[in-house]
Amino acid sequence: MSAPQKRDDVVREAFIPDKVKEKRKKGEKMYDKEDPGRRKLLRDREVEEGGAGVFNINLKEALEREEEKLVQEGFYDSDPEDSDSDSLDEEEDERVTEKSRSARLNSRATKKSLKNHEKSPTRAVLRTLSELSEGLTKAGYDPSRIRERAEGLAKVVGEKRKRPEREEREREAIVEMEDGEGAWEDDDGDLDVEMEDGDEAPRLKRVKGNSGGVVAVGGGKRVPRTNRAMDGLRDGEVRCFSFFGGCL
């Protein structure tokens, strides 16, 4: 077991209430369990209401006793100056409440008016690269990497913008080439095709297809350029067909 050591010479006696001391002086008993007229303690109420584990302290009564004690001590008594300041605070609170209420009403009205309107997108304020670099330099930052990145992005955007222009120029060149080929056409827009034997095939009309290209379309019946029955024979040779009983 631990043996406490004496710390100092100060006498520390147990606290005994003054009423208890007076009763002891008068020789009265502090508490007699068998006395029917004794003052009822909380322990007695605990036994009457079910004992430990069942009995619950009535916190409302404890709060009421504490409130009565504060009232008797004058805790809630206030000075006239305090009452004036309290009234001023109440007026200020009322003004703030009224302002907040009017602000809420205005916000509701604004939302209601803008409910059926298209919201315009908010755009960031435009700044040039030089302004950005100057601001970063003043703030103590090195803007070199940001400048390099911005220049690279500007080149990429420029290439994207130039691409449609190149495609437009290529389309114009193709149209010019097609216009040059149109010199072979007649005045009526037909295209002549010369046969091997000097005869002219039926004129073909040039039209533009769904893909945008020029397609030649025949005006009449299509006729083969050569006689396939005589294909592969030399001049003067005759092909005989025994089953027909004759030669060509």
C-alpha atoms as a PDB file:
ATOM      1  CA  MET A   1       0.000   0.000   0.000  1.00  0.00           C
ATOM      2  CA  SER A   2       1.134   3.523  -0.715  1.00  0.00           C
ATOM      3  CA  ALA A   3       1.990   5.753   2.222  1.00  0.00           C
ATOM      4  CA  PRO A   4       1.169   9.415   1.433  1.00  0.00           C
ATOM      5  CA  GLN A   5       3.773  11.886   2.563  1.00  0.00           C
ATOM      6  CA  LYS A   6       3.027  15.182   4.228  1.00  0.00           C
ATOM      7  CA  ARG A   7       3.194  17.974   1.686  1.00  0.00           C
ATOM      8  CA  ASP A   8       3.015  21.069   3.912  1.00  0.00           C
ATOM      9  CA  ASP A   9       1.828  22.280   7.308  1.00  0.00           C
ATOM     10  CA  VAL A  10      -1.575  23.557   6.130  1.00  0.00           C
ATOM     11  CA  VAL A  11      -4.483  21.991   8.001  1.00  0.00           C
ATOM     12  CA  ARG A  12      -7.162  20.709   5.616  1.00  0.00           C
ATOM     13  CA  GLU A  13     -10.256  19.761   7.589  1.00  0.00           C
ATOM     14  CA  ALA A  14     -13.391  18.128   6.209  1.00  0.00           C
ATOM     15  CA  PHE A  15     -16.154  20.491   5.144  1.00  0.00           C
ATOM     16  CA  ILE A  16     -19.206  20.336   7.401  1.00  0.00           C
ATOM     17  CA  PRO A  17     -22.249  22.537   6.667  1.00  0.00           C
ATOM     18  CA  ASP A  18     -23.178  25.120   9.277  1.00  0.00           C
ATOM     19  CA  LYS A  19     -26.652  23.630   9.817  1.00  0.00           C
ATOM     20  CA  VAL A  20     -25.092  20.310  10.677  1.00  0.00           C
ATOM     21  CA  LYS A  21     -22.804  21.966  13.159  1.00  0.00           C
ATOM     22  CA  GLU A  22     -25.761  23.748  14.794  1.00  0.00           C
ATOM     23  CA  LYS A  23     -27.688  20.510  15.133  1.00  0.00           C
ATOM     24  CA  ARG A  24     -24.692  18.833  16.659  1.00  0.00           C
ATOM     25  CA  LYS A  25     -24.385  21.631  19.174  1.00  0.00           C
ATOM     26  CA  LYS A  26     -28.080  21.289  20.068  1.00  0.00           C
ATOM     27  CA  GLY A  27     -27.672  17.563  20.423  1.00  0.00           C
ATOM     28  CA  GLU A  28     -30.192  16.767  17.761  1.00  0.00           C
ATOM     29  CA  LYS A  29     -29.892  13.610  15.743  1.00  0.00           C
ATOM     30  CA  MET A  30     -28.865  14.169  12.202  1.00  0.00           C
ATOM     31  CA  TYR A  31     -30.911  11.359  10.727  1.00  0.00           C
ATOM     32  CA  ASP A  32     -33.036   8.655  12.286  1.00  0.00           C
ATOM     33  CA  LYS A  33     -34.195   6.020   9.889  1.00  0.00           C
ATOM     34  CA  GLU A  34     -36.937   4.849  12.265  1.00  0.00           C
ATOM     35  CA  ASP A  35     -38.348   8.327  12.848  1.00  0.00           C
ATOM     36  CA  PRO A  36     -41.637   8.636  10.897  1.00  0.00           C
ATOM     37  CA  GLY A  37     -41.381  12.415  10.818  1.00  0.00           C
ATOM     38  CA  ARG A  38     -37.835  12.445   9.457  1.00  0.00           C
ATOM     39  CA  ARG A  39     -36.881  14.424   6.401  1.00  0.00           C
ATOM     40  CA  LYS A  40     -37.232  12.253   3.333  1.00  0.00           C
ATOM     41  CA  LEU A  41     -33.997  11.814   1.466  1.00  0.00           C
ATOM     42  CA  LEU A  42     -33.389  10.884  -2.150  1.00  0.00           C
ATOM     43  CA  ARG A  43     -32.320   7.443  -1.010  1.00  0.00           C
ATOM     44  CA  ASP A  44     -35.742   6.941   0.582  1.00  0.00           C
ATOM     45  CA  ARG A  45     -37.411   7.896  -2.704  1.00  0.00           C
ATOM     46  CA  GLU A  46     -35.170   5.443  -4.509  1.00  0.00           C
ATOM     47  CA  VAL A  47     -36.320   2.614  -2.255  1.00  0.00           C
ATOM     48  CA  GLU A  48     -39.967   3.606  -2.645  1.00  0.00           C
ATOM     49  CA  GLU A  49     -39.819   3.793  -6.474  1.00  0.00           C
ATOM     50  CA  GLY A  50     -38.177   0.448  -7.196  1.00  0.00           C
ATOM     51  CA  GLY A  51     -34.625   0.651  -5.951  1.00  0.00           C
ATOM     52  CA  ALA A  52     -31.366   0.938  -7.856  1.00  0.00           C
ATOM     53  CA  GLY A  53     -31.653   0.348 -11.618  1.00  0.00           C
ATOM     54  CA  VAL A  54     -35.345   1.296 -11.677  1.00  0.00           C
ATOM     55  CA  PHE A  55     -35.437   4.679 -10.010  1.00  0.00           C
ATOM     56  CA  ASN A  56     -34.768   7.695 -12.279  1.00  0.00           C
ATOM     57  CA  ILE A  57     -33.914  11.154 -11.027  1.00  0.00           C
ATOM     58  CA  ASN A  58     -36.467  13.780 -12.033  1.00  0.00           C
ATOM     59  CA  LEU A  59     -34.249  16.247 -13.883  1.00  0.00           C
ATOM     60  CA  LYS A  60     -37.113  18.701 -14.326  1.00  0.00           C
ATOM     61  CA  GLU A  61     -37.391  19.175 -10.573  1.00  0.00           C
ATOM     62  CA  ALA A  62     -33.624  19.660 -10.321  1.00  0.00           C
ATOM     63  CA  LEU A  63     -33.756  22.365 -13.009  1.00  0.00           C
ATOM     64  CA  GLU A  64     -36.658  24.085 -11.274  1.00  0.00           C
ATOM     65  CA  ARG A  65     -34.760  24.143  -7.990  1.00  0.00           C
ATOM     66  CA  GLU A  66     -31.718  25.586  -9.737  1.00  0.00           C
ATOM     67  CA  GLU A  67     -33.911  28.220 -11.417  1.00  0.00           C
ATOM     68  CA  GLU A  68     -35.471  29.241  -8.103  1.00  0.00           C
ATOM     69  CA  LYS A  69     -32.036  29.548  -6.580  1.00  0.00           C
ATOM     70  CA  LEU A  70     -30.840  31.828  -9.408  1.00  0.00           C
ATOM     71  CA  VAL A  71     -33.919  34.030  -9.063  1.00  0.00           C
ATOM     72  CA  GLN A  72     -33.365  34.401  -5.314  1.00  0.00           C
ATOM     73  CA  GLU A  73     -29.733  35.325  -5.875  1.00  0.00           C
ATOM     74  CA  GLY A  74     -30.751  38.031  -8.371  1.00  0.00           C
ATOM     75  CA  PHE A  75     -29.030  36.459 -11.314  1.00  0.00           C
ATOM     76  CA  TYR A  76     -31.700  37.681 -13.733  1.00  0.00           C
ATOM     77  CA  ASP A  77     -31.856  41.211 -12.333  1.00  0.00           C
ATOM     78  CA  SER A  78     -30.580  43.702 -14.950  1.00  0.00           C
ATOM     79  CA  ASP A  79     -29.496  47.350 -14.852  1.00  0.00           C
ATOM     80  CA  PRO A  80     -31.388  50.072 -16.804  1.00  0.00           C
ATOM     81  CA  GLU A  81     -28.377  50.539 -19.057  1.00  0.00           C
ATOM     82  CA  ASP A  82     -28.417  46.866 -19.892  1.00  0.00           C
ATOM     83  CA  SER A  83     -32.124  47.060 -20.702  1.00  0.00           C
ATOM     84  CA  ASP A  84     -31.472  50.002 -23.050  1.00  0.00           C
ATOM     85  CA  SER A  85     -28.695  48.098 -24.793  1.00  0.00           C
ATOM     86  CA  ASP A  86     -30.956  45.058 -25.023  1.00  0.00           C
ATOM     87  CA  SER A  87     -33.685  47.139 -26.666  1.00  0.00           C
ATOM     88  CA  LEU A  88     -31.148  48.521 -29.150  1.00  0.00           C
ATOM     89  CA  ASP A  89     -29.962  45.011 -29.903  1.00  0.00           C
ATOM     90  CA  GLU A  90     -33.537  43.907 -30.486  1.00  0.00           C
ATOM     91  CA  GLU A  91     -34.121  46.799 -32.894  1.00  0.00           C
ATOM     92  CA  GLU A  92     -30.924  45.934 -34.753  1.00  0.00           C
ATOM     93  CA  ASP A  93     -31.979  42.301 -34.943  1.00  0.00           C
ATOM     94  CA  GLU A  94     -35.353  43.350 -36.335  1.00  0.00           C
ATOM     95  CA  ARG A  95     -33.682  45.479 -39.020  1.00  0.00           C
ATOM     96  CA  VAL A  96     -31.352  42.648 -39.986  1.00  0.00           C
ATOM     97  CA  THR A  97     -34.278  40.230 -40.100  1.00  0.00           C
ATOM     98  CA  GLU A  98     -36.266  42.610 -42.301  1.00  0.00           C
ATOM     99  CA  LYS A  99     -33.307  43.048 -44.667  1.00  0.00           C
ATOM    100  CA  SER A 100     -32.790  39.310 -44.960  1.00  0.00           C
ATOM    101  CA  ARG A 101     -36.510  38.799 -45.572  1.00  0.00           C
ATOM    102  CA  SER A 102     -36.563  41.437 -48.338  1.00  0.00           C
ATOM    103  CA  ALA A 103     -33.437  39.893 -49.869  1.00  0.00           C
ATOM    104  CA  ARG A 104     -35.088  36.471 -49.928  1.00  0.00           C
ATOM    105  CA  LEU A 105     -38.204  37.919 -51.558  1.00  0.00           C
ATOM    106  CA  ASN A 106     -36.108  39.702 -54.189  1.00  0.00           C
ATOM    107  CA  SER A 107     -34.153  36.542 -54.944  1.00  0.00           C
ATOM    108  CA  ARG A 108     -37.387  34.587 -55.342  1.00  0.00           C
ATOM    109  CA  ALA A 109     -38.778  37.211 -57.709  1.00  0.00           C
ATOM    110  CA  THR A 110     -35.565  37.170 -59.734  1.00  0.00           C
ATOM    111  CA  LYS A 111     -35.586  33.384 -59.982  1.00  0.00           C
ATOM    112  CA  LYS A 112     -39.228  33.416 -61.029  1.00  0.00           C
ATOM    113  CA  SER A 113     -38.600  36.033 -63.721  1.00  0.00           C
ATOM    114  CA  LEU A 114     -35.584  34.153 -65.092  1.00  0.00           C
ATOM    115  CA  LYS A 115     -37.226  30.746 -64.927  1.00  0.00           C
ATOM    116  CA  ASN A 116     -38.413  30.735 -68.555  1.00  0.00           C
ATOM    117  CA  HIS A 117     -35.454  32.651 -69.974  1.00  0.00           C
ATOM    118  CA  GLU A 118     -32.369  31.129 -71.454  1.00  0.00           C
ATOM    119  CA  LYS A 119     -29.362  31.640 -69.263  1.00  0.00           C
ATOM    120  CA  SER A 120     -26.511  33.402 -70.959  1.00  0.00           C
ATOM    121  CA  PRO A 121     -23.194  31.635 -70.344  1.00  0.00           C
ATOM    122  CA  THR A 122     -20.740  33.535 -68.195  1.00  0.00           C
ATOM    123  CA  ARG A 123     -17.414  33.960 -69.907  1.00  0.00           C
ATOM    124  CA  ALA A 124     -14.089  34.567 -68.302  1.00  0.00           C
ATOM    125  CA  VAL A 125     -12.524  37.981 -68.720  1.00  0.00           C
ATOM    126  CA  LEU A 126     -10.123  37.880 -71.656  1.00  0.00           C
ATOM    127  CA  ARG A 127      -6.491  38.605 -70.931  1.00  0.00           C
ATOM    128  CA  THR A 128      -3.601  38.757 -73.360  1.00  0.00           C
ATOM    129  CA  LEU A 129      -0.515  36.629 -72.881  1.00  0.00           C
ATOM    130  CA  SER A 130       1.591  39.706 -72.159  1.00  0.00           C
ATOM    131  CA  GLU A 131      -0.826  40.846 -69.424  1.00  0.00           C
ATOM    132  CA  LEU A 132      -0.774  37.373 -67.876  1.00  0.00           C
ATOM    133  CA  SER A 133       3.022  37.247 -67.950  1.00  0.00           C
ATOM    134  CA  GLU A 134       3.266  40.716 -66.430  1.00  0.00           C
ATOM    135  CA  GLY A 135       0.863  39.803 -63.608  1.00  0.00           C
ATOM    136  CA  LEU A 136       2.732  36.576 -62.815  1.00  0.00           C
ATOM    137  CA  THR A 137       6.066  38.389 -62.847  1.00  0.00           C
ATOM    138  CA  LYS A 138       4.749  40.982 -60.382  1.00  0.00           C
ATOM    139  CA  ALA A 139       3.473  38.183 -58.147  1.00  0.00           C
ATOM    140  CA  GLY A 140       6.927  36.573 -58.146  1.00  0.00           C
ATOM    141  CA  TYR A 141       6.286  33.642 -60.519  1.00  0.00           C
ATOM    142  CA  ASP A 142       8.166  32.572 -63.649  1.00  0.00           C
ATOM    143  CA  PRO A 143       5.768  32.718 -66.636  1.00  0.00           C
ATOM    144  CA  SER A 144       8.170  31.087 -69.141  1.00  0.00           C
ATOM    145  CA  ARG A 145       6.548  27.633 -69.076  1.00  0.00           C
ATOM    146  CA  ILE A 146       3.053  29.097 -69.331  1.00  0.00           C
ATOM    147  CA  ARG A 147       4.181  31.260 -72.258  1.00  0.00           C
ATOM    148  CA  GLU A 148       5.655  28.224 -74.067  1.00  0.00           C
ATOM    149  CA  ARG A 149       2.477  26.229 -73.510  1.00  0.00           C
ATOM    150  CA  ALA A 150       0.284  29.106 -74.712  1.00  0.00           C
ATOM    151  CA  GLU A 151       2.373  29.536 -77.870  1.00  0.00           C
ATOM    152  CA  GLY A 152       2.135  25.799 -78.590  1.00  0.00           C
ATOM    153  CA  LEU A 153      -1.629  25.837 -78.146  1.00  0.00           C
ATOM    154  CA  ALA A 154      -1.874  28.890 -80.403  1.00  0.00           C
ATOM    155  CA  LYS A 155       0.030  27.030 -83.153  1.00  0.00           C
ATOM    156  CA  VAL A 156      -2.293  24.031 -82.868  1.00  0.00           C
ATOM    157  CA  VAL A 157      -5.372  26.258 -83.053  1.00  0.00           C
ATOM    158  CA  GLY A 158      -3.908  28.061 -86.050  1.00  0.00           C
ATOM    159  CA  GLU A 159      -3.318  24.761 -87.867  1.00  0.00           C
ATOM    160  CA  LYS A 160      -6.913  23.725 -87.175  1.00  0.00           C
ATOM    161  CA  ARG A 161      -8.146  27.019 -88.606  1.00  0.00           C
ATOM    162  CA  LYS A 162      -5.946  26.698 -91.709  1.00  0.00           C
ATOM    163  CA  ARG A 163      -7.117  23.136 -92.447  1.00  0.00           C
ATOM    164  CA  PRO A 164     -10.590  24.136 -93.758  1.00  0.00           C
ATOM    165  CA  GLU A 165      -8.939  26.793 -95.923  1.00  0.00           C
ATOM    166  CA  ARG A 166      -6.626  24.173 -97.486  1.00  0.00           C
ATOM    167  CA  GLU A 167      -9.550  21.833 -98.069  1.00  0.00           C
ATOM    168  CA  GLU A 168     -11.473  24.665 -99.735  1.00  0.00           C
ATOM    169  CA  ARG A 169      -8.517  25.429-102.017  1.00  0.00           C
ATOM    170  CA  GLU A 170      -8.220  21.744-102.951  1.00  0.00           C
ATOM    171  CA  ARG A 171     -11.923  21.602-103.810  1.00  0.00           C
ATOM    172  CA  GLU A 172     -11.561  24.714-105.965  1.00  0.00           C
ATOM    173  CA  ALA A 173      -8.591  23.133-107.768  1.00  0.00           C
ATOM    174  CA  ILE A 174     -10.613  19.974-108.469  1.00  0.00           C
ATOM    175  CA  VAL A 175     -13.472  22.059-109.847  1.00  0.00           C
ATOM    176  CA  GLU A 176     -11.043  23.950-112.101  1.00  0.00           C
ATOM    177  CA  MET A 177      -9.628  20.649-113.401  1.00  0.00           C
ATOM    178  CA  GLU A 178     -13.129  19.421-114.114  1.00  0.00           C
ATOM    179  CA  ASP A 179     -13.872  22.683-115.900  1.00  0.00           C
ATOM    180  CA  GLY A 180     -10.742  22.124-118.023  1.00  0.00           C
ATOM    181  CA  GLU A 181     -11.943  18.661-118.987  1.00  0.00           C
ATOM    182  CA  GLY A 182     -15.235  20.237-119.992  1.00  0.00           C
ATOM    183  CA  ALA A 183     -13.471  21.767-123.038  1.00  0.00           C
ATOM    184  CA  TRP A 184     -13.821  18.367-124.710  1.00  0.00           C
ATOM    185  CA  GLU A 185     -17.573  18.648-124.519  1.00  0.00           C
ATOM    186  CA  ASP A 186     -19.810  20.075-127.189  1.00  0.00           C
ATOM    187  CA  ASP A 187     -21.830  23.183-126.726  1.00  0.00           C
ATOM    188  CA  ASP A 188     -24.785  21.133-125.532  1.00  0.00           C
ATOM    189  CA  GLY A 189     -22.762  19.588-122.700  1.00  0.00           C
ATOM    190  CA  ASP A 190     -22.399  16.111-124.332  1.00  0.00           C
ATOM    191  CA  LEU A 191     -19.141  14.170-124.412  1.00  0.00           C
ATOM    192  CA  ASP A 192     -18.054  12.519-127.685  1.00  0.00           C
ATOM    193  CA  VAL A 193     -16.319   9.119-127.538  1.00  0.00           C
ATOM    194  CA  GLU A 194     -14.389   8.117-130.656  1.00  0.00           C
ATOM    195  CA  MET A 195     -14.500   4.447-131.733  1.00  0.00           C
ATOM    196  CA  GLU A 196     -11.487   2.493-132.989  1.00  0.00           C
ATOM    197  CA  ASP A 197     -12.797   2.417-136.564  1.00  0.00           C
ATOM    198  CA  GLY A 198     -13.408   6.152-136.624  1.00  0.00           C
ATOM    199  CA  ASP A 199     -17.103   5.954-135.893  1.00  0.00           C
ATOM    200  CA  GLU A 200     -18.502   7.952-133.081  1.00  0.00           C
ATOM    201  CA  ALA A 201     -20.271   6.236-130.237  1.00  0.00           C
ATOM    202  CA  PRO A 202     -23.458   7.680-128.824  1.00  0.00           C
ATOM    203  CA  ARG A 203     -22.838  10.891-127.033  1.00  0.00           C
ATOM    204  CA  LEU A 204     -22.460  10.654-123.288  1.00  0.00           C
ATOM    205  CA  LYS A 205     -23.849  13.337-121.005  1.00  0.00           C
ATOM    206  CA  ARG A 206     -21.790  14.477-118.040  1.00  0.00           C
ATOM    207  CA  VAL A 207     -23.721  14.751-114.796  1.00  0.00           C
ATOM    208  CA  LYS A 208     -22.656  15.160-111.179  1.00  0.00           C
ATOM    209  CA  GLY A 209     -23.324  12.177-108.871  1.00  0.00           C
ATOM    210  CA  ASN A 210     -24.291  12.078-105.198  1.00  0.00           C
ATOM    211  CA  SER A 211     -20.631  12.057-104.109  1.00  0.00           C
ATOM    212  CA  GLY A 212     -19.894  15.233-106.052  1.00  0.00           C
ATOM    213  CA  GLY A 213     -17.923  13.570-108.873  1.00  0.00           C
ATOM    214  CA  VAL A 214     -18.675  13.868-112.597  1.00  0.00           C
ATOM    215  CA  VAL A 215     -20.238  10.744-114.190  1.00  0.00           C
ATOM    216  CA  ALA A 216     -20.808  10.123-117.912  1.00  0.00           C
ATOM    217  CA  VAL A 217     -24.326   8.895-118.664  1.00  0.00           C
ATOM    218  CA  GLY A 218     -25.313   7.435-122.059  1.00  0.00           C
ATOM    219  CA  GLY A 219     -28.059   9.101-124.016  1.00  0.00           C
ATOM    220  CA  GLY A 220     -29.220   5.973-125.943  1.00  0.00           C
ATOM    221  CA  LYS A 221     -28.681   2.235-126.266  1.00  0.00           C
ATOM    222  CA  ARG A 222     -25.203   1.040-125.344  1.00  0.00           C
ATOM    223  CA  VAL A 223     -23.373  -0.788-128.199  1.00  0.00           C
ATOM    224  CA  PRO A 224     -20.076  -2.721-127.758  1.00  0.00           C
ATOM    225  CA  ARG A 225     -17.084  -1.204-129.480  1.00  0.00           C
ATOM    226  CA  THR A 226     -15.947  -4.507-131.141  1.00  0.00           C
ATOM    227  CA  ASN A 227     -17.673  -7.611-132.485  1.00  0.00           C
ATOM    228  CA  ARG A 228     -17.020 -10.297-129.943  1.00  0.00           C
ATOM    229  CA  ALA A 229     -17.858 -13.012-132.500  1.00  0.00           C
ATOM    230  CA  MET A 230     -14.767 -11.977-134.523  1.00  0.00           C
ATOM    231  CA  ASP A 231     -12.598 -11.317-131.497  1.00  0.00           C
ATOM    232  CA  GLY A 232      -9.164 -13.017-131.812  1.00  0.00           C
ATOM    233  CA  LEU A 233      -9.327 -13.724-135.598  1.00  0.00           C
ATOM    234  CA  ARG A 234      -6.822 -12.313-138.055  1.00  0.00           C
ATOM    235  CA  ASP A 235      -7.747 -10.509-141.239  1.00  0.00           C
ATOM    236  CA  GLY A 236      -8.985 -12.939-143.887  1.00  0.00           C
ATOM    237  CA  GLU A 237      -9.568 -15.799-141.490  1.00  0.00           C
ATOM    238  CA  VAL A 238     -13.007 -17.306-141.401  1.00  0.00           C
ATOM    239  CA  ARG A 239     -14.595 -19.048-138.462  1.00  0.00           C
ATOM    240  CA  CYS A 240     -16.674 -22.029-139.443  1.00  0.00           C
ATOM    241  CA  PHE A 241     -19.450 -23.533-137.404  1.00  0.00           C
ATOM    242  CA  SER A 242     -20.165 -27.096-138.459  1.00  0.00           C
ATOM    243  CA  PHE A 243     -23.298 -27.264-136.472  1.00  0.00           C
ATOM    244  CA  PHE A 244     -24.664 -24.223-138.352  1.00  0.00           C
ATOM    245  CA  GLY A 245     -23.587 -25.616-141.716  1.00  0.00           C
ATOM    246  CA  GLY A 246     -21.718 -22.537-142.785  1.00  0.00           C
ATOM    247  CA  CYS A 247     -18.770 -20.221-142.261  1.00  0.00           C
ATOM    248  CA  LEU A 248     -18.385 -16.588-141.344  1.00  0.00           C
END
